[in-house]
PDB file of N, CA and C in Angstrom:
ATOM      1  N   MET A   1     -44.777   4.669  25.570  1.00  0.00           N
ATOM      2  CA  MET A   1     -44.811   6.088  25.792  1.00  0.00           C
ATOM      3  C   MET A   1     -45.856   6.767  24.919  1.00  0.00           C
ATOM      4  N   THR A   2     -46.233   6.092  23.820  1.00  0.00           N
ATOM      5  CA  THR A   2     -47.197   6.748  22.938  1.00  0.00           C
ATOM      6  C   THR A   2     -48.599   6.784  23.542  1.00  0.00           C
ATOM      7  N   HIS A   3     -48.868   5.958  24.524  1.00  0.00           N
ATOM      8  CA  HIS A   3     -50.208   5.966  25.112  1.00  0.00           C
ATOM      9  C   HIS A   3     -50.425   7.218  25.967  1.00  0.00           C
ATOM     10  N   PHE A   4     -49.360   8.002  26.220  1.00  0.00           N
ATOM     11  CA  PHE A   4     -49.506   9.247  26.968  1.00  0.00           C
ATOM     12  C   PHE A   4     -49.859  10.429  26.073  1.00  0.00           C
ATOM     13  N   LEU A   5     -49.830  10.242  24.744  1.00  0.00           N
ATOM     14  CA  LEU A   5     -50.144  11.335  23.827  1.00  0.00           C
ATOM     15  C   LEU A   5     -51.656  11.586  23.816  1.00  0.00           C
ATOM     16  N   PRO A   6     -52.054  12.824  23.551  1.00  0.00           N
ATOM     17  CA  PRO A   6     -53.496  13.122  23.468  1.00  0.00           C
ATOM     18  C   PRO A   6     -54.121  12.449  22.247  1.00  0.00           C
ATOM     19  N   PRO A   7     -55.431  12.236  22.283  1.00  0.00           N
ATOM     20  CA  PRO A   7     -56.104  11.525  21.176  1.00  0.00           C
ATOM     21  C   PRO A   7     -55.972  12.235  19.837  1.00  0.00           C
ATOM     22  N   ALA A   8     -55.892  13.564  19.811  1.00  0.00           N
ATOM     23  CA  ALA A   8     -55.779  14.282  18.542  1.00  0.00           C
ATOM     24  C   ALA A   8     -54.460  13.940  17.849  1.00  0.00           C
ATOM     25  N   ILE A   9     -53.412  13.803  18.623  1.00  0.00           N
ATOM     26  CA  ILE A   9     -52.113  13.452  18.029  1.00  0.00           C
ATOM     27  C   ILE A   9     -52.065  11.963  17.703  1.00  0.00           C
ATOM     28  N   MET A  10     -52.711  11.140  18.521  1.00  0.00           N
ATOM     29  CA  MET A  10     -52.736   9.699  18.234  1.00  0.00           C
ATOM     30  C   MET A  10     -53.453   9.402  16.926  1.00  0.00           C
ATOM     31  N   ASN A  11     -54.396  10.232  16.545  1.00  0.00           N
ATOM     32  CA  ASN A  11     -55.118  10.031  15.279  1.00  0.00           C
ATOM     33  C   ASN A  11     -54.225  10.311  14.070  1.00  0.00           C
ATOM     34  N   LEU A  12     -53.148  11.049  14.276  1.00  0.00           N
ATOM     35  CA  LEU A  12     -52.237  11.326  13.175  1.00  0.00           C
ATOM     36  C   LEU A  12     -51.385  10.108  12.822  1.00  0.00           C
ATOM     37  N   PHE A  13     -51.263   9.164  13.753  1.00  0.00           N
ATOM     38  CA  PHE A  13     -50.422   7.988  13.547  1.00  0.00           C
ATOM     39  C   PHE A  13     -51.229   6.699  13.689  1.00  0.00           C
ATOM     40  N   PRO A  14     -52.166   6.445  12.767  1.00  0.00           N
ATOM     41  CA  PRO A  14     -52.948   5.209  12.883  1.00  0.00           C
ATOM     42  C   PRO A  14     -52.099   4.011  12.466  1.00  0.00           C
ATOM     43  N   PRO A  15     -52.402   2.811  12.941  1.00  0.00           N
ATOM     44  CA  PRO A  15     -51.645   1.622  12.517  1.00  0.00           C
ATOM     45  C   PRO A  15     -51.945   1.304  11.058  1.00  0.00           C
ATOM     46  N   PRO A  16     -51.015   0.696  10.351  1.00  0.00           N
ATOM     47  CA  PRO A  16     -51.250   0.350   8.940  1.00  0.00           C
ATOM     48  C   PRO A  16     -52.281  -0.768   8.841  1.00  0.00           C
ATOM     49  N   PRO A  17     -52.889  -0.911   7.674  1.00  0.00           N
ATOM     50  CA  PRO A  17     -53.869  -2.002   7.515  1.00  0.00           C
ATOM     51  C   PRO A  17     -53.165  -3.355   7.594  1.00  0.00           C
ATOM     52  N   PRO A  18     -53.876  -4.421   7.947  1.00  0.00           N
ATOM     53  CA  PRO A  18     -53.232  -5.740   8.043  1.00  0.00           C
ATOM     54  C   PRO A  18     -52.780  -6.213   6.661  1.00  0.00           C
ATOM     55  N   LEU A  19     -51.758  -7.068   6.653  1.00  0.00           N
ATOM     56  CA  LEU A  19     -51.202  -7.583   5.408  1.00  0.00           C
ATOM     57  C   LEU A  19     -52.164  -8.549   4.736  1.00  0.00           C
ATOM     58  N   GLU A  20     -52.162  -8.500   3.401  1.00  0.00           N
ATOM     59  CA  GLU A  20     -53.031  -9.380   2.632  1.00  0.00           C
ATOM     60  C   GLU A  20     -52.429 -10.785   2.602  1.00  0.00           C
ATOM     61  N   TYR A  21     -53.233 -11.810   2.718  1.00  0.00           N
ATOM     62  CA  TYR A  21     -52.761 -13.188   2.744  1.00  0.00           C
ATOM     63  C   TYR A  21     -52.367 -13.623   1.337  1.00  0.00           C
ATOM     64  N   LYS A  22     -51.203 -14.218   1.237  1.00  0.00           N
ATOM     65  CA  LYS A  22     -50.728 -14.784  -0.029  1.00  0.00           C
ATOM     66  C   LYS A  22     -50.432 -16.257   0.215  1.00  0.00           C
ATOM     67  N   ALA A  23     -50.784 -17.085  -0.737  1.00  0.00           N
ATOM     68  CA  ALA A  23     -50.528 -18.520  -0.621  1.00  0.00           C
ATOM     69  C   ALA A  23     -49.027 -18.772  -0.730  1.00  0.00           C
ATOM     70  N   PRO A  24     -48.473 -19.775  -0.027  1.00  0.00           N
ATOM     71  CA  PRO A  24     -47.036 -20.050  -0.112  1.00  0.00           C
ATOM     72  C   PRO A  24     -46.643 -20.502  -1.518  1.00  0.00           C
ATOM     73  N   VAL A  25     -45.414 -20.184  -1.893  1.00  0.00           N
ATOM     74  CA  VAL A  25     -44.900 -20.520  -3.216  1.00  0.00           C
ATOM     75  C   VAL A  25     -44.534 -22.004  -3.226  1.00  0.00           C
ATOM     76  N   GLU A  26     -44.957 -22.679  -4.285  1.00  0.00           N
ATOM     77  CA  GLU A  26     -44.643 -24.098  -4.396  1.00  0.00           C
ATOM     78  C   GLU A  26     -43.220 -24.260  -4.913  1.00  0.00           C
ATOM     79  N   LYS A  27     -42.460 -25.097  -4.262  1.00  0.00           N
ATOM     80  CA  LYS A  27     -41.081 -25.337  -4.666  1.00  0.00           C
ATOM     81  C   LYS A  27     -41.054 -26.358  -5.781  1.00  0.00           C
ATOM     82  N   SER A  28     -40.177 -26.079  -6.777  1.00  0.00           N
ATOM     83  CA  SER A  28     -40.077 -27.030  -7.879  1.00  0.00           C
ATOM     84  C   SER A  28     -39.212 -28.210  -7.439  1.00  0.00           C
ATOM     85  N   GLN A  29     -39.467 -29.332  -8.040  1.00  0.00           N
ATOM     86  CA  GLN A  29     -38.743 -30.550  -7.697  1.00  0.00           C
ATOM     87  C   GLN A  29     -37.389 -30.541  -8.400  1.00  0.00           C
ATOM     88  N   LEU A  30     -36.302 -30.720  -7.658  1.00  0.00           N
ATOM     89  CA  LEU A  30     -34.969 -30.762  -8.227  1.00  0.00           C
ATOM     90  C   LEU A  30     -34.683 -32.149  -8.781  1.00  0.00           C
ATOM     91  N   PRO A  31     -33.823 -32.224  -9.824  1.00  0.00           N
ATOM     92  CA  PRO A  31     -33.503 -33.555 -10.358  1.00  0.00           C
ATOM     93  C   PRO A  31     -32.683 -34.343  -9.339  1.00  0.00           C
ATOM     94  N   ALA A  32     -32.759 -35.628  -9.441  1.00  0.00           N
ATOM     95  CA  ALA A  32     -32.029 -36.498  -8.522  1.00  0.00           C
ATOM     96  C   ALA A  32     -30.526 -36.367  -8.767  1.00  0.00           C
ATOM     97  N   LEU A  33     -29.758 -36.522  -7.720  1.00  0.00           N
ATOM     98  CA  LEU A  33     -28.308 -36.432  -7.829  1.00  0.00           C
ATOM     99  C   LEU A  33     -27.761 -37.695  -8.477  1.00  0.00           C
ATOM    100  N   SER A  34     -26.733 -37.487  -9.304  1.00  0.00           N
ATOM    101  CA  SER A  34     -26.098 -38.636  -9.942  1.00  0.00           C
ATOM    102  C   SER A  34     -24.589 -38.406  -9.952  1.00  0.00           C
ATOM    103  N   GLY A  35     -23.818 -39.435 -10.186  1.00  0.00           N
ATOM    104  CA  GLY A  35     -22.363 -39.334 -10.197  1.00  0.00           C
ATOM    105  C   GLY A  35     -21.824 -38.950 -11.560  1.00  0.00           C
ATOM    106  N   ILE A  36     -20.517 -38.968 -11.682  1.00  0.00           N
ATOM    107  CA  ILE A  36     -19.887 -38.618 -12.951  1.00  0.00           C
ATOM    108  C   ILE A  36     -19.276 -39.836 -13.634  1.00  0.00           C
ATOM    109  N   ALA A  37     -19.595 -41.009 -13.144  1.00  0.00           N
ATOM    110  CA  ALA A  37     -18.995 -42.221 -13.702  1.00  0.00           C
ATOM    111  C   ALA A  37     -19.314 -42.383 -15.183  1.00  0.00           C
ATOM    112  N   GLN A  38     -20.447 -41.906 -15.627  1.00  0.00           N
ATOM    113  CA  GLN A  38     -20.805 -42.064 -17.028  1.00  0.00           C
ATOM    114  C   GLN A  38     -20.020 -41.129 -17.945  1.00  0.00           C
ATOM    115  N   PHE A  39     -19.342 -40.105 -17.383  1.00  0.00           N
ATOM    116  CA  PHE A  39     -18.589 -39.151 -18.192  1.00  0.00           C
ATOM    117  C   PHE A  39     -17.075 -39.375 -18.118  1.00  0.00           C
ATOM    118  N   VAL A  40     -16.615 -40.363 -17.382  1.00  0.00           N
ATOM    119  CA  VAL A  40     -15.179 -40.567 -17.174  1.00  0.00           C
ATOM    120  C   VAL A  40     -14.468 -40.854 -18.494  1.00  0.00           C
ATOM    121  N   GLU A  41     -15.098 -41.592 -19.402  1.00  0.00           N
ATOM    122  CA  GLU A  41     -14.411 -41.929 -20.653  1.00  0.00           C
ATOM    123  C   GLU A  41     -14.194 -40.703 -21.538  1.00  0.00           C
ATOM    124  N   ARG A  42     -14.862 -39.609 -21.274  1.00  0.00           N
ATOM    125  CA  ARG A  42     -14.669 -38.397 -22.082  1.00  0.00           C
ATOM    126  C   ARG A  42     -13.392 -37.643 -21.700  1.00  0.00           C
ATOM    127  N   PHE A  43     -12.893 -37.897 -20.522  1.00  0.00           N
ATOM    128  CA  PHE A  43     -11.657 -37.230 -20.099  1.00  0.00           C
ATOM    129  C   PHE A  43     -10.466 -37.885 -20.771  1.00  0.00           C
ATOM    130  N   LYS A  44      -9.520 -37.054 -21.220  1.00  0.00           N
ATOM    131  CA  LYS A  44      -8.336 -37.565 -21.886  1.00  0.00           C
ATOM    132  C   LYS A  44      -7.114 -37.176 -21.065  1.00  0.00           C
ATOM    133  N   ASN A  45      -6.064 -37.970 -21.206  1.00  0.00           N
ATOM    134  CA  ASN A  45      -4.834 -37.681 -20.487  1.00  0.00           C
ATOM    135  C   ASN A  45      -3.969 -36.635 -21.184  1.00  0.00           C
ATOM    136  N   ASP A  46      -4.239 -36.304 -22.454  1.00  0.00           N
ATOM    137  CA  ASP A  46      -3.411 -35.355 -23.181  1.00  0.00           C
ATOM    138  C   ASP A  46      -3.871 -33.902 -22.998  1.00  0.00           C
ATOM    139  N   ILE A  47      -4.777 -33.662 -22.099  1.00  0.00           N
ATOM    140  CA  ILE A  47      -5.222 -32.298 -21.830  1.00  0.00           C
ATOM    141  C   ILE A  47      -4.116 -31.581 -21.060  1.00  0.00           C
ATOM    142  N   PRO A  48      -3.706 -30.406 -21.526  1.00  0.00           N
ATOM    143  CA  PRO A  48      -2.612 -29.707 -20.834  1.00  0.00           C
ATOM    144  C   PRO A  48      -3.044 -29.272 -19.430  1.00  0.00           C
ATOM    145  N   ILE A  49      -2.073 -29.309 -18.546  1.00  0.00           N
ATOM    146  CA  ILE A  49      -2.345 -28.897 -17.166  1.00  0.00           C
ATOM    147  C   ILE A  49      -2.479 -27.373 -17.142  1.00  0.00           C
ATOM    148  N   PRO A  50      -3.527 -26.868 -16.548  1.00  0.00           N
ATOM    149  CA  PRO A  50      -3.703 -25.411 -16.554  1.00  0.00           C
ATOM    150  C   PRO A  50      -2.595 -24.716 -15.762  1.00  0.00           C
ATOM    151  N   LYS A  51      -2.246 -23.523 -16.221  1.00  0.00           N
ATOM    152  CA  LYS A  51      -1.195 -22.756 -15.570  1.00  0.00           C
ATOM    153  C   LYS A  51      -1.729 -22.208 -14.243  1.00  0.00           C
ATOM    154  N   ILE A  52      -0.966 -22.428 -13.184  1.00  0.00           N
ATOM    155  CA  ILE A  52      -1.376 -21.953 -11.865  1.00  0.00           C
ATOM    156  C   ILE A  52      -0.841 -20.540 -11.688  1.00  0.00           C
ATOM    157  N   ASN A  53      -1.724 -19.626 -11.432  1.00  0.00           N
ATOM    158  CA  ASN A  53      -1.320 -18.243 -11.244  1.00  0.00           C
ATOM    159  C   ASN A  53      -0.636 -18.067  -9.895  1.00  0.00           C
ATOM    160  N   LYS A  54       0.273 -17.114  -9.855  1.00  0.00           N
ATOM    161  CA  LYS A  54       0.982 -16.828  -8.618  1.00  0.00           C
ATOM    162  C   LYS A  54       0.084 -16.017  -7.694  1.00  0.00           C
ATOM    163  N   THR A  55       0.302 -16.210  -6.410  1.00  0.00           N
ATOM    164  CA  THR A  55      -0.464 -15.439  -5.443  1.00  0.00           C
ATOM    165  C   THR A  55       0.100 -14.033  -5.361  1.00  0.00           C
ATOM    166  N   HIS A  56      -0.660 -13.157  -4.752  1.00  0.00           N
ATOM    167  CA  HIS A  56      -0.242 -11.763  -4.602  1.00  0.00           C
ATOM    168  C   HIS A  56       1.058 -11.670  -3.813  1.00  0.00           C
ATOM    169  N   GLN A  57       1.185 -12.468  -2.782  1.00  0.00           N
ATOM    170  CA  GLN A  57       2.393 -12.430  -1.949  1.00  0.00           C
ATOM    171  C   GLN A  57       3.614 -12.912  -2.728  1.00  0.00           C
ATOM    172  N   GLU A  58       3.442 -13.954  -3.580  1.00  0.00           N
ATOM    173  CA  GLU A  58       4.552 -14.435  -4.392  1.00  0.00           C
ATOM    174  C   GLU A  58       5.013 -13.379  -5.385  1.00  0.00           C
ATOM    175  N   VAL A  59       4.053 -12.693  -6.011  1.00  0.00           N
ATOM    176  CA  VAL A  59       4.398 -11.635  -6.959  1.00  0.00           C
ATOM    177  C   VAL A  59       5.117 -10.507  -6.233  1.00  0.00           C
ATOM    178  N   LYS A  60       4.627 -10.153  -5.063  1.00  0.00           N
ATOM    179  CA  LYS A  60       5.229  -9.077  -4.272  1.00  0.00           C
ATOM    180  C   LYS A  60       6.653  -9.442  -3.856  1.00  0.00           C
ATOM    181  N   ASP A  61       6.857 -10.681  -3.407  1.00  0.00           N
ATOM    182  CA  ASP A  61       8.191 -11.132  -3.014  1.00  0.00           C
ATOM    183  C   ASP A  61       9.139 -11.158  -4.212  1.00  0.00           C
ATOM    184  N   GLN A  62       8.638 -11.587  -5.360  1.00  0.00           N
ATOM    185  CA  GLN A  62       9.461 -11.646  -6.560  1.00  0.00           C
ATOM    186  C   GLN A  62       9.893 -10.244  -6.985  1.00  0.00           C
ATOM    187  N   ARG A  63       8.974  -9.283  -6.929  1.00  0.00           N
ATOM    188  CA  ARG A  63       9.319  -7.902  -7.277  1.00  0.00           C
ATOM    189  C   ARG A  63      10.346  -7.343  -6.299  1.00  0.00           C
ATOM    190  N   ALA A  64      10.172  -7.623  -5.022  1.00  0.00           N
ATOM    191  CA  ALA A  64      11.101  -7.110  -4.011  1.00  0.00           C
ATOM    192  C   ALA A  64      12.500  -7.687  -4.220  1.00  0.00           C
ATOM    193  N   SER A  65      12.588  -8.993  -4.509  1.00  0.00           N
ATOM    194  CA  SER A  65      13.905  -9.603  -4.709  1.00  0.00           C
ATOM    195  C   SER A  65      14.568  -9.066  -5.981  1.00  0.00           C
ATOM    196  N   LYS A  66      13.779  -8.851  -7.032  1.00  0.00           N
ATOM    197  CA  LYS A  66      14.334  -8.297  -8.259  1.00  0.00           C
ATOM    198  C   LYS A  66      14.835  -6.877  -8.034  1.00  0.00           C
ATOM    199  N   LYS A  67      14.069  -6.093  -7.291  1.00  0.00           N
ATOM    200  CA  LYS A  67      14.462  -4.722  -6.988  1.00  0.00           C
ATOM    201  C   LYS A  67      15.729  -4.703  -6.138  1.00  0.00           C
ATOM    202  N   GLN A  68      15.833  -5.621  -5.189  1.00  0.00           N
ATOM    203  CA  GLN A  68      17.018  -5.699  -4.346  1.00  0.00           C
ATOM    204  C   GLN A  68      18.241  -6.100  -5.171  1.00  0.00           C
ATOM    205  N   GLN A  69      18.084  -7.025  -6.093  1.00  0.00           N
ATOM    206  CA  GLN A  69      19.201  -7.442  -6.938  1.00  0.00           C
ATOM    207  C   GLN A  69      19.682  -6.303  -7.826  1.00  0.00           C
ATOM    208  N   THR A  70      18.750  -5.562  -8.427  1.00  0.00           N
ATOM    209  CA  THR A  70      19.152  -4.434  -9.268  1.00  0.00           C
ATOM    210  C   THR A  70      19.832  -3.352  -8.439  1.00  0.00           C
ATOM    211  N   HIS A  71      19.353  -3.135  -7.229  1.00  0.00           N
ATOM    212  CA  HIS A  71      19.981  -2.145  -6.353  1.00  0.00           C
ATOM    213  C   HIS A  71      21.390  -2.576  -5.958  1.00  0.00           C
ATOM    214  N   GLN A  72      21.572  -3.857  -5.655  1.00  0.00           N
ATOM    215  CA  GLN A  72      22.899  -4.364  -5.320  1.00  0.00           C
ATOM    216  C   GLN A  72      23.850  -4.222  -6.515  1.00  0.00           C
ATOM    217  N   ALA A  73      23.358  -4.485  -7.710  1.00  0.00           N
ATOM    218  CA  ALA A  73      24.189  -4.334  -8.904  1.00  0.00           C
ATOM    219  C   ALA A  73      24.584  -2.874  -9.101  1.00  0.00           C
ATOM    220  N   LYS A  74      23.640  -1.967  -8.888  1.00  0.00           N
ATOM    221  CA  LYS A  74      23.927  -0.545  -9.019  1.00  0.00           C
ATOM    222  C   LYS A  74      24.959  -0.111  -7.983  1.00  0.00           C
ATOM    223  N   LEU A  75      24.835  -0.589  -6.750  1.00  0.00           N
ATOM    224  CA  LEU A  75      25.813  -0.251  -5.714  1.00  0.00           C
ATOM    225  C   LEU A  75      27.197  -0.768  -6.078  1.00  0.00           C
ATOM    226  N   GLN A  76      27.277  -1.963  -6.632  1.00  0.00           N
ATOM    227  CA  GLN A  76      28.564  -2.512  -7.037  1.00  0.00           C
ATOM    228  C   GLN A  76      29.209  -1.666  -8.132  1.00  0.00           C
ATOM    229  N   ARG A  77      28.407  -1.182  -9.099  1.00  0.00           N
ATOM    230  CA  ARG A  77      28.933  -0.306 -10.144  1.00  0.00           C
ATOM    231  C   ARG A  77      29.451   0.997  -9.548  1.00  0.00           C
ATOM    232  N   TRP A  78      28.708   1.568  -8.595  1.00  0.00           N
ATOM    233  CA  TRP A  78      29.137   2.820  -7.960  1.00  0.00           C
ATOM    234  C   TRP A  78      30.415   2.621  -7.154  1.00  0.00           C
ATOM    235  N   ILE A  79      30.533   1.486  -6.483  1.00  0.00           N
ATOM    236  CA  ILE A  79      31.736   1.212  -5.688  1.00  0.00           C
ATOM    237  C   ILE A  79      32.955   1.108  -6.602  1.00  0.00           C
ATOM    238  N   HIS A  80      32.815   0.485  -7.760  1.00  0.00           N
ATOM    239  CA  HIS A  80      33.945   0.351  -8.676  1.00  0.00           C
ATOM    240  C   HIS A  80      34.312   1.689  -9.312  1.00  0.00           C
ATOM    241  N   ARG A  81      33.351   2.578  -9.520  1.00  0.00           N
ATOM    242  CA  ARG A  81      33.636   3.871 -10.132  1.00  0.00           C
ATOM    243  C   ARG A  81      34.177   4.889  -9.133  1.00  0.00           C
ATOM    244  N   TRP A  82      33.941   4.688  -7.837  1.00  0.00           N
ATOM    245  CA  TRP A  82      34.285   5.690  -6.826  1.00  0.00           C
ATOM    246  C   TRP A  82      35.779   5.712  -6.576  1.00  0.00           C
ATOM    247  N   ASP A  83      36.361   6.894  -6.760  1.00  0.00           N
ATOM    248  CA  ASP A  83      37.784   7.083  -6.502  1.00  0.00           C
ATOM    249  C   ASP A  83      37.940   8.422  -5.777  1.00  0.00           C
ATOM    250  N   PRO A  84      38.054   8.419  -4.447  1.00  0.00           N
ATOM    251  CA  PRO A  84      38.080   9.677  -3.707  1.00  0.00           C
ATOM    252  C   PRO A  84      39.345  10.484  -3.947  1.00  0.00           C
ATOM    253  N   LYS A  85      40.417   9.878  -4.399  1.00  0.00           N
ATOM    254  CA  LYS A  85      41.666  10.611  -4.585  1.00  0.00           C
ATOM    255  C   LYS A  85      41.683  11.422  -5.870  1.00  0.00           C
ATOM    256  N   SER A  86      40.825  11.117  -6.796  1.00  0.00           N
ATOM    257  CA  SER A  86      40.811  11.835  -8.069  1.00  0.00           C
ATOM    258  C   SER A  86      39.776  12.958  -8.099  1.00  0.00           C
ATOM    259  N   ARG A  87      39.093  13.205  -7.006  1.00  0.00           N
ATOM    260  CA  ARG A  87      38.069  14.265  -6.975  1.00  0.00           C
ATOM    261  C   ARG A  87      38.747  15.621  -6.869  1.00  0.00           C
ATOM    262  N   SER A  88      38.360  16.558  -7.735  1.00  0.00           N
ATOM    263  CA  SER A  88      39.004  17.865  -7.788  1.00  0.00           C
ATOM    264  C   SER A  88      38.454  18.825  -6.735  1.00  0.00           C
ATOM    265  N   GLU A  89      37.229  18.644  -6.275  1.00  0.00           N
ATOM    266  CA  GLU A  89      36.636  19.583  -5.326  1.00  0.00           C
ATOM    267  C   GLU A  89      37.102  19.346  -3.888  1.00  0.00           C
ATOM    268  N   VAL A  90      37.800  18.274  -3.622  1.00  0.00           N
ATOM    269  CA  VAL A  90      38.314  18.003  -2.290  1.00  0.00           C
ATOM    270  C   VAL A  90      39.585  18.824  -2.113  1.00  0.00           C
ATOM    271  N   THR A  91      39.642  19.600  -1.011  1.00  0.00           N
ATOM    272  CA  THR A  91      40.774  20.505  -0.833  1.00  0.00           C
ATOM    273  C   THR A  91      41.683  20.126   0.309  1.00  0.00           C
ATOM    274  N   GLY A  92      41.208  19.357   1.273  1.00  0.00           N
ATOM    275  CA  GLY A  92      42.078  19.081   2.400  1.00  0.00           C
ATOM    276  C   GLY A  92      41.618  17.901   3.211  1.00  0.00           C
ATOM    277  N   ASP A  93      41.931  17.969   4.481  1.00  0.00           N
ATOM    278  CA  ASP A  93      41.623  16.892   5.395  1.00  0.00           C
ATOM    279  C   ASP A  93      40.128  16.898   5.719  1.00  0.00           C
ATOM    280  N   ALA A  94      39.489  15.769   5.587  1.00  0.00           N
ATOM    281  CA  ALA A  94      38.046  15.685   5.829  1.00  0.00           C
ATOM    282  C   ALA A  94      37.716  15.832   7.303  1.00  0.00           C
ATOM    283  N   TYR A  95      38.657  15.524   8.183  1.00  0.00           N
ATOM    284  CA  TYR A  95      38.399  15.627   9.611  1.00  0.00           C
ATOM    285  C   TYR A  95      38.454  17.069  10.112  1.00  0.00           C
ATOM    286  N   LYS A  96      38.908  17.981   9.293  1.00  0.00           N
ATOM    287  CA  LYS A  96      38.963  19.389   9.671  1.00  0.00           C
ATOM    288  C   LYS A  96      37.828  20.184   9.033  1.00  0.00           C
ATOM    289  N   THR A  97      36.753  19.531   8.677  1.00  0.00           N
ATOM    290  CA  THR A  97      35.608  20.171   8.054  1.00  0.00           C
ATOM    291  C   THR A  97      34.696  20.721   9.141  1.00  0.00           C
ATOM    292  N   LEU A  98      34.220  21.938   8.952  1.00  0.00           N
ATOM    293  CA  LEU A  98      33.330  22.581   9.907  1.00  0.00           C
ATOM    294  C   LEU A  98      31.979  22.768   9.240  1.00  0.00           C
ATOM    295  N   PHE A  99      30.955  22.248   9.854  1.00  0.00           N
ATOM    296  CA  PHE A  99      29.601  22.412   9.339  1.00  0.00           C
ATOM    297  C   PHE A  99      28.941  23.539  10.101  1.00  0.00           C
ATOM    298  N   VAL A 100      28.508  24.571   9.398  1.00  0.00           N
ATOM    299  CA  VAL A 100      27.905  25.748  10.011  1.00  0.00           C
ATOM    300  C   VAL A 100      26.421  25.720   9.700  1.00  0.00           C
ATOM    301  N   ALA A 101      25.615  25.772  10.762  1.00  0.00           N
ATOM    302  CA  ALA A 101      24.171  25.774  10.575  1.00  0.00           C
ATOM    303  C   ALA A 101      23.527  26.653  11.634  1.00  0.00           C
ATOM    304  N   ARG A 102      22.492  27.320  11.260  1.00  0.00           N
ATOM    305  CA  ARG A 102      21.688  28.159  12.161  1.00  0.00           C
ATOM    306  C   ARG A 102      22.513  29.248  12.844  1.00  0.00           C
ATOM    307  N   LEU A 103      23.283  29.984  12.077  1.00  0.00           N
ATOM    308  CA  LEU A 103      23.966  31.143  12.616  1.00  0.00           C
ATOM    309  C   LEU A 103      22.931  32.219  12.875  1.00  0.00           C
ATOM    310  N   VAL A 104      22.926  32.770  14.075  1.00  0.00           N
ATOM    311  CA  VAL A 104      21.929  33.764  14.417  1.00  0.00           C
ATOM    312  C   VAL A 104      22.647  35.077  14.693  1.00  0.00           C
ATOM    313  N   CYS A 105      22.235  36.099  14.016  1.00  0.00           N
ATOM    314  CA  CYS A 105      22.761  37.443  14.230  1.00  0.00           C
ATOM    315  C   CYS A 105      21.610  38.301  14.721  1.00  0.00           C
ATOM    316  N   ILE A 106      21.905  39.274  15.535  1.00  0.00           N
ATOM    317  CA  ILE A 106      20.831  40.103  16.103  1.00  0.00           C
ATOM    318  C   ILE A 106      20.059  40.801  15.004  1.00  0.00           C
ATOM    319  N   PHE A 107      20.725  41.297  14.000  1.00  0.00           N
ATOM    320  CA  PHE A 107      20.062  42.043  12.929  1.00  0.00           C
ATOM    321  C   PHE A 107      19.808  41.163  11.706  1.00  0.00           C
ATOM    322  N   PHE A 108      20.098  39.894  11.820  1.00  0.00           N
ATOM    323  CA  PHE A 108      19.895  38.944  10.728  1.00  0.00           C
ATOM    324  C   PHE A 108      20.638  39.362   9.468  1.00  0.00           C
ATOM    325  N   ILE A 109      21.841  39.870   9.662  1.00  0.00           N
ATOM    326  CA  ILE A 109      22.673  40.261   8.532  1.00  0.00           C
ATOM    327  C   ILE A 109      23.767  39.213   8.407  1.00  0.00           C
ATOM    328  N   TYR A 110      23.761  38.516   7.323  1.00  0.00           N
ATOM    329  CA  TYR A 110      24.775  37.498   7.083  1.00  0.00           C
ATOM    330  C   TYR A 110      25.650  37.963   5.928  1.00  0.00           C
ATOM    331  N   SER A 111      26.866  37.954   6.153  1.00  0.00           N
ATOM    332  CA  SER A 111      27.790  38.275   5.080  1.00  0.00           C
ATOM    333  C   SER A 111      28.992  37.347   5.212  1.00  0.00           C
ATOM    334  N   ASP A 112      29.794  37.333   4.203  1.00  0.00           N
ATOM    335  CA  ASP A 112      30.982  36.484   4.246  1.00  0.00           C
ATOM    336  C   ASP A 112      31.931  36.956   5.338  1.00  0.00           C
ATOM    337  N   LEU A 113      31.979  38.272   5.516  1.00  0.00           N
ATOM    338  CA  LEU A 113      32.878  38.818   6.534  1.00  0.00           C
ATOM    339  C   LEU A 113      32.430  38.413   7.932  1.00  0.00           C
ATOM    340  N   PHE A 114      31.120  38.492   8.186  1.00  0.00           N
ATOM    341  CA  PHE A 114      30.594  38.106   9.498  1.00  0.00           C
ATOM    342  C   PHE A 114      30.845  36.620   9.752  1.00  0.00           C
ATOM    343  N   ALA A 115      30.588  35.799   8.753  1.00  0.00           N
ATOM    344  CA  ALA A 115      30.788  34.361   8.906  1.00  0.00           C
ATOM    345  C   ALA A 115      32.272  34.066   9.126  1.00  0.00           C
ATOM    346  N   LEU A 116      33.140  34.765   8.412  1.00  0.00           N
ATOM    347  CA  LEU A 116      34.561  34.537   8.568  1.00  0.00           C
ATOM    348  C   LEU A 116      35.047  34.947   9.959  1.00  0.00           C
ATOM    349  N   GLU A 117      34.544  36.087  10.460  1.00  0.00           N
ATOM    350  CA  GLU A 117      34.943  36.547  11.790  1.00  0.00           C
ATOM    351  C   GLU A 117      34.453  35.611  12.884  1.00  0.00           C
ATOM    352  N   SER A 118      33.222  35.117  12.757  1.00  0.00           N
ATOM    353  CA  SER A 118      32.651  34.264  13.809  1.00  0.00           C
ATOM    354  C   SER A 118      33.260  32.870  13.806  1.00  0.00           C
ATOM    355  N   VAL A 119      33.759  32.401  12.693  1.00  0.00           N
ATOM    356  CA  VAL A 119      34.285  31.054  12.600  1.00  0.00           C
ATOM    357  C   VAL A 119      35.811  31.045  12.688  1.00  0.00           C
ATOM    358  N   SER A 120      36.473  32.180  12.546  1.00  0.00           N
ATOM    359  CA  SER A 120      37.922  32.213  12.487  1.00  0.00           C
ATOM    360  C   SER A 120      38.577  31.817  13.818  1.00  0.00           C
ATOM    361  N   ILE A 121      37.835  31.905  14.927  1.00  0.00           N
ATOM    362  CA  ILE A 121      38.428  31.535  16.207  1.00  0.00           C
ATOM    363  C   ILE A 121      38.614  30.028  16.316  1.00  0.00           C
ATOM    364  N   TYR A 122      37.936  29.274  15.510  1.00  0.00           N
ATOM    365  CA  TYR A 122      38.063  27.821  15.558  1.00  0.00           C
ATOM    366  C   TYR A 122      39.183  27.362  14.681  1.00  0.00           C
TER     367      TYR A 122
END
């Protein structure tokens, strides 16, 4: 598409000069490969075995199991302490409890008297 541009604009974008020639880099010679048989006598059997670190998943599982055990212990303590018959704030039958939510009044006036009148029919 650039060949459709006028010559004045083509002169603004001349091609870059050609790259300068550089000789290829000579690779250094690597030493020949050898085995470790000559170093075997340096190894000793009394070297301690290195400690193997736990993986992320093992650590995560261990934390989860510990957290679950502590939670189970806490639940067991709460179950032993719970005595519903000795609670002073309980006044009557739990099945006769009325939960009141979202009472709507035209004038948005809530008072104890209004709540008592609206709920007394139940």
